[in-house]
Amino acid sequence: MVLTWDRGGRTITKRVQRAAVNVPVVDSAMRECDGVKVGVVRLGTFSSGSHAQVYAAVRKVLKQGAKALVLDLRGNGGGLVNEAQLISSAFLKGGTIVTTRGRHVATHTLHAVGDPIAPTQPMVVLIDGNSASASEITAGALQDRKRATLVGTRSFGKGVFQEIMELSNGGALDITAGQYFLPSGRNIGGKGVHRGQGLDPAVKTPKDDTPARAAAGLRTAVCTAAKKV
């Protein structure tokens, strides 16, 4: 395939080859805070099977000597609720994760299942304005259960869930059916696709005007929070 485009009055032509681009759902890295090894696990979306990748990444950084953990949910718009349950279960021993309630749906509570693989390590969860839905369930459960410190900026605030109603013409309606409630009983708000109050991080990252200062501020916030958990 040949692509041609204009850049500042100069025509550029390049031959390119089509290829599948695979974006990893989970990525991990090792960092250090004042000589303490910190394992960072980033989750892009709560897709089917993502919990298995998170478990593998957490085990990997622990094997590499991580003494504290960071779960990065920034920009994660959510996904499957059962994946939020399973991922939260990696860090929680039993207990409530989320309860769903609706006018025409039965109340249902999801609990942590199985044995956690990292139940006691100091932990930070990173969130921002694009962390929503299943991200907020996981971050909120870990915050309410006092398992992790939230660092970043206020999350999106999607405290509702939808059900799909199929129509006779082959179409479908995506209807808000109920709300999510975190272990403390709070709802993060929002109606339909509108933003609610969201989750308020205990440690807020500064809004600096350059990427370098923003990155330095985030690193300081994470290290400070990791020591306090």
Protein backbone atom coordinates (compact mmCIF):
# COMPACT_ATOMS: atom_id res chain seq x y z
CA MET A 1 0.00 0.00 0.00
CA VAL A 2 1.27 3.48 -0.89
CA LEU A 3 0.35 6.47 1.27
CA THR A 4 0.85 10.08 0.28
CA TRP A 5 0.40 13.09 2.53
CA ASP A 6 1.25 16.76 2.69
CA ARG A 7 3.53 18.14 5.39
CA GLY A 8 4.01 21.89 5.32
CA GLY A 9 3.66 22.08 1.55
CA ARG A 10 5.97 19.10 0.99
CA THR A 11 4.48 15.92 -0.47
CA ILE A 12 5.64 12.71 1.21
CA THR A 13 5.04 9.24 -0.20
CA LYS A 14 5.69 6.02 1.70
CA ARG A 15 5.05 2.37 0.98
CA VAL A 16 3.63 0.59 4.04
CA GLN A 17 2.63 -2.97 4.79
CA ARG A 18 -0.52 -3.93 6.64
CA ALA A 19 -0.04 -5.83 9.88
CA ALA A 20 -2.00 -6.73 12.97
CA VAL A 21 -1.20 -4.52 15.95
CA ASN A 22 -1.55 -6.33 19.26
CA VAL A 23 -1.83 -4.01 22.24
CA PRO A 24 -1.05 -5.91 25.47
CA VAL A 25 -3.84 -5.84 28.06
CA VAL A 26 -1.33 -6.12 30.91
CA ASP A 27 2.20 -4.79 31.20
CA SER A 28 4.62 -4.86 34.13
CA ALA A 29 7.85 -3.21 35.21
CA MET A 30 10.13 -2.85 38.21
CA ARG A 31 10.84 0.51 39.84
CA GLU A 32 12.70 1.62 42.94
CA CYS A 33 11.63 4.02 45.68
CA ASP A 34 14.54 4.90 47.97
CA GLY A 35 16.11 1.49 47.40
CA VAL A 36 12.84 -0.43 47.80
CA LYS A 37 11.76 -2.47 44.79
CA VAL A 38 8.24 -1.66 43.58
CA GLY A 39 6.41 -3.81 41.05
CA VAL A 40 4.17 -1.87 38.65
CA VAL A 41 1.35 -3.71 36.85
CA ARG A 42 -0.63 -1.76 34.28
CA LEU A 43 -4.06 -3.01 33.14
CA GLY A 44 -5.54 -1.59 29.95
CA THR A 45 -9.04 -3.05 30.09
CA PHE A 46 -11.11 -5.54 32.07
CA SER A 47 -11.54 -7.93 29.16
CA SER A 48 -12.27 -11.65 29.36
CA GLY A 49 -9.31 -13.45 30.88
CA SER A 50 -7.45 -10.30 31.89
CA HIS A 51 -7.35 -11.48 35.52
CA ALA A 52 -5.04 -14.35 34.52
CA GLN A 53 -2.61 -11.87 32.94
CA VAL A 54 -2.72 -9.67 36.05
CA TYR A 55 -2.03 -12.68 38.29
CA ALA A 56 0.94 -13.68 36.12
CA ALA A 57 2.33 -10.13 36.16
CA VAL A 58 1.98 -9.82 39.93
CA ARG A 59 3.69 -13.17 40.48
CA LYS A 60 6.47 -12.07 38.13
CA VAL A 61 7.28 -8.83 39.98
CA LEU A 62 7.06 -10.56 43.36
CA LYS A 63 9.52 -13.18 42.15
CA GLN A 64 11.80 -10.34 41.05
CA GLY A 65 11.83 -9.05 44.61
CA ALA A 66 9.07 -6.41 44.70
CA LYS A 67 8.27 -5.33 48.27
CA ALA A 68 5.41 -3.02 47.24
CA LEU A 69 2.93 -3.01 44.35
CA VAL A 70 1.37 -0.45 42.03
CA LEU A 71 -1.76 -1.31 40.03
CA ASP A 72 -2.06 1.26 37.25
CA LEU A 73 -5.67 1.76 36.14
CA ARG A 74 -5.21 5.17 34.53
CA GLY A 75 -7.12 5.44 31.27
CA ASN A 76 -8.87 2.13 31.93
CA GLY A 77 -12.53 2.61 31.02
CA GLY A 78 -13.62 -0.68 32.59
CA GLY A 79 -15.10 -3.83 31.12
CA LEU A 80 -16.41 -7.02 32.69
CA VAL A 81 -17.58 -6.92 36.31
CA ASN A 82 -16.54 -10.52 36.96
CA GLU A 83 -13.00 -9.58 35.90
CA ALA A 84 -13.06 -6.75 38.46
CA GLN A 85 -14.10 -9.33 41.06
CA LEU A 86 -11.29 -11.72 40.13
CA ILE A 87 -8.61 -9.03 39.91
CA SER A 88 -9.63 -7.58 43.27
CA SER A 89 -9.45 -11.12 44.68
CA ALA A 90 -5.72 -11.17 43.93
CA PHE A 91 -5.24 -8.70 46.78
CA LEU A 92 -8.16 -9.37 49.17
CA LYS A 93 -8.90 -12.28 51.46
CA GLY A 94 -12.65 -12.81 51.28
CA GLY A 95 -15.18 -10.08 51.91
CA THR A 96 -17.34 -7.85 49.73
CA ILE A 97 -16.11 -6.29 46.51
CA VAL A 98 -19.27 -4.80 45.01
CA THR A 99 -23.06 -4.98 45.28
CA THR A 100 -25.43 -4.31 42.39
CA ARG A 101 -28.98 -3.05 42.92
CA GLY A 102 -31.71 -2.03 40.51
CA ARG A 103 -35.42 -1.32 40.40
CA HIS A 104 -36.17 -4.41 38.33
CA VAL A 105 -33.10 -6.59 39.04
CA ALA A 106 -32.29 -8.61 42.13
CA THR A 107 -29.64 -7.32 44.53
CA HIS A 108 -26.42 -9.23 44.02
CA THR A 109 -23.16 -9.08 46.00
CA LEU A 110 -19.81 -10.22 44.64
CA HIS A 111 -17.16 -11.38 47.11
CA ALA A 112 -13.44 -12.03 46.84
CA VAL A 113 -12.79 -15.62 45.80
CA GLY A 114 -9.87 -17.99 46.23
CA ASP A 115 -6.60 -17.27 47.98
CA PRO A 116 -5.02 -13.87 47.26
CA ILE A 117 -1.54 -13.92 45.75
CA ALA A 118 -0.53 -10.56 47.26
CA PRO A 119 -2.61 -10.02 50.43
CA THR A 120 -0.24 -7.91 52.52
CA GLN A 121 2.30 -6.06 50.35
CA PRO A 122 2.03 -2.23 50.50
CA MET A 123 -0.07 -1.24 47.52
CA VAL A 124 -0.98 1.81 45.45
CA VAL A 125 -3.68 2.06 42.77
CA LEU A 126 -3.27 4.77 40.13
CA ILE A 127 -6.45 6.37 38.77
CA ASP A 128 -7.40 9.36 36.65
CA GLY A 129 -10.45 10.94 35.03
CA ASN A 130 -10.66 8.13 32.47
CA SER A 131 -10.69 5.32 35.07
CA ALA A 132 -14.31 4.16 35.04
CA SER A 133 -16.75 1.34 35.76
CA ALA A 134 -14.83 -1.88 36.53
CA SER A 135 -11.71 0.20 37.25
CA GLU A 136 -13.66 2.10 39.89
CA ILE A 137 -15.08 -1.12 41.34
CA THR A 138 -11.57 -2.53 41.80
CA ALA A 139 -9.99 0.69 43.04
CA GLY A 140 -12.97 1.45 45.28
CA ALA A 141 -13.02 -2.02 46.82
CA LEU A 142 -9.31 -1.86 47.59
CA GLN A 143 -9.74 1.62 49.05
CA ASP A 144 -12.81 0.75 51.15
CA ARG A 145 -11.18 -2.42 52.44
CA LYS A 146 -8.08 -0.36 53.36
CA ARG A 147 -5.94 -2.58 51.18
CA ALA A 148 -4.50 0.14 48.94
CA THR A 149 -3.94 3.88 48.70
CA LEU A 150 -5.42 5.62 45.65
CA VAL A 151 -3.06 8.02 43.88
CA GLY A 152 -3.80 10.33 40.96
CA THR A 153 -6.85 12.41 40.06
CA ARG A 154 -10.59 11.87 40.61
CA SER A 155 -12.00 8.96 38.59
CA PHE A 156 -14.79 9.22 36.01
CA GLY A 157 -17.74 8.30 38.24
CA LYS A 158 -19.67 5.55 36.42
CA GLY A 159 -21.70 3.94 39.19
CA VAL A 160 -24.34 2.34 36.98
CA PHE A 161 -24.60 -0.78 34.84
CA GLN A 162 -26.55 -1.56 31.68
CA GLU A 163 -28.55 -4.42 30.23
CA ILE A 164 -29.14 -4.99 26.52
CA MET A 165 -32.73 -5.46 25.29
CA GLU A 166 -33.00 -7.00 21.84
CA LEU A 167 -35.62 -5.53 19.48
CA SER A 168 -37.76 -7.35 16.92
CA ASN A 169 -36.19 -5.39 14.05
CA GLY A 170 -32.74 -6.75 14.85
CA GLY A 171 -31.63 -3.71 16.80
CA ALA A 172 -31.08 -3.40 20.54
CA LEU A 173 -31.45 -0.96 23.41
CA ASP A 174 -28.72 -0.48 26.00
CA ILE A 175 -30.68 0.44 29.13
CA THR A 176 -29.35 1.49 32.53
CA ALA A 177 -30.61 -1.23 34.88
CA GLY A 178 -29.07 -0.44 38.25
CA GLN A 179 -26.22 0.90 40.35
CA TYR A 180 -22.95 -0.35 41.81
CA PHE A 181 -22.30 -0.02 45.53
CA LEU A 182 -18.82 -0.41 47.02
CA PRO A 183 -18.08 -2.31 50.27
CA SER A 184 -18.69 0.81 52.38
CA GLY A 185 -22.13 1.17 50.80
CA ARG A 186 -21.26 4.25 48.76
CA ASN A 187 -22.17 4.72 45.11
CA ILE A 188 -19.79 6.59 42.84
CA GLY A 189 -22.69 8.25 41.02
CA GLY A 190 -23.55 8.97 37.44
CA LYS A 191 -26.61 8.36 35.29
CA GLY A 192 -26.31 6.66 31.92
CA VAL A 193 -23.09 7.95 30.35
CA HIS A 194 -22.90 11.05 32.55
CA ARG A 195 -20.10 11.51 35.07
CA GLY A 196 -20.70 11.02 38.77
CA GLN A 197 -18.66 11.99 41.81
CA GLY A 198 -16.10 9.25 41.19
CA LEU A 199 -13.34 8.15 43.53
CA ASP A 200 -11.27 10.77 45.30
CA PRO A 201 -7.61 9.68 45.61
CA ALA A 202 -5.97 10.02 49.01
CA VAL A 203 -2.81 11.28 47.31
CA LYS A 204 -3.43 13.71 44.47
CA THR A 205 -0.83 14.12 41.76
CA PRO A 206 0.11 17.68 40.79
CA LYS A 207 -1.05 19.07 37.49
CA ASP A 208 2.32 20.25 36.20
CA ASP A 209 2.77 21.95 32.87
CA THR A 210 5.46 19.65 31.47
CA PRO A 211 5.56 15.85 31.09
CA ALA A 212 8.86 15.67 33.00
CA ARG A 213 7.50 17.53 36.04
CA ALA A 214 4.24 15.55 35.89
CA ALA A 215 6.19 12.26 35.84
CA ALA A 216 8.40 13.40 38.73
CA GLY A 217 5.34 14.43 40.74
CA LEU A 218 3.65 11.09 40.11
CA ARG A 219 6.77 9.16 41.15
CA THR A 220 7.01 11.14 44.39
CA ALA A 221 3.33 10.57 45.14
CA VAL A 222 3.57 6.83 44.49
CA CYS A 223 6.67 6.41 46.64
CA THR A 224 5.14 8.41 49.49
CA ALA A 225 1.89 6.41 49.37
CA ALA A 226 3.68 3.06 49.10
CA LYS A 227 5.54 3.75 52.34
CA LYS A 228 2.35 4.66 54.20
CA VAL A 229 0.22 1.61 53.37
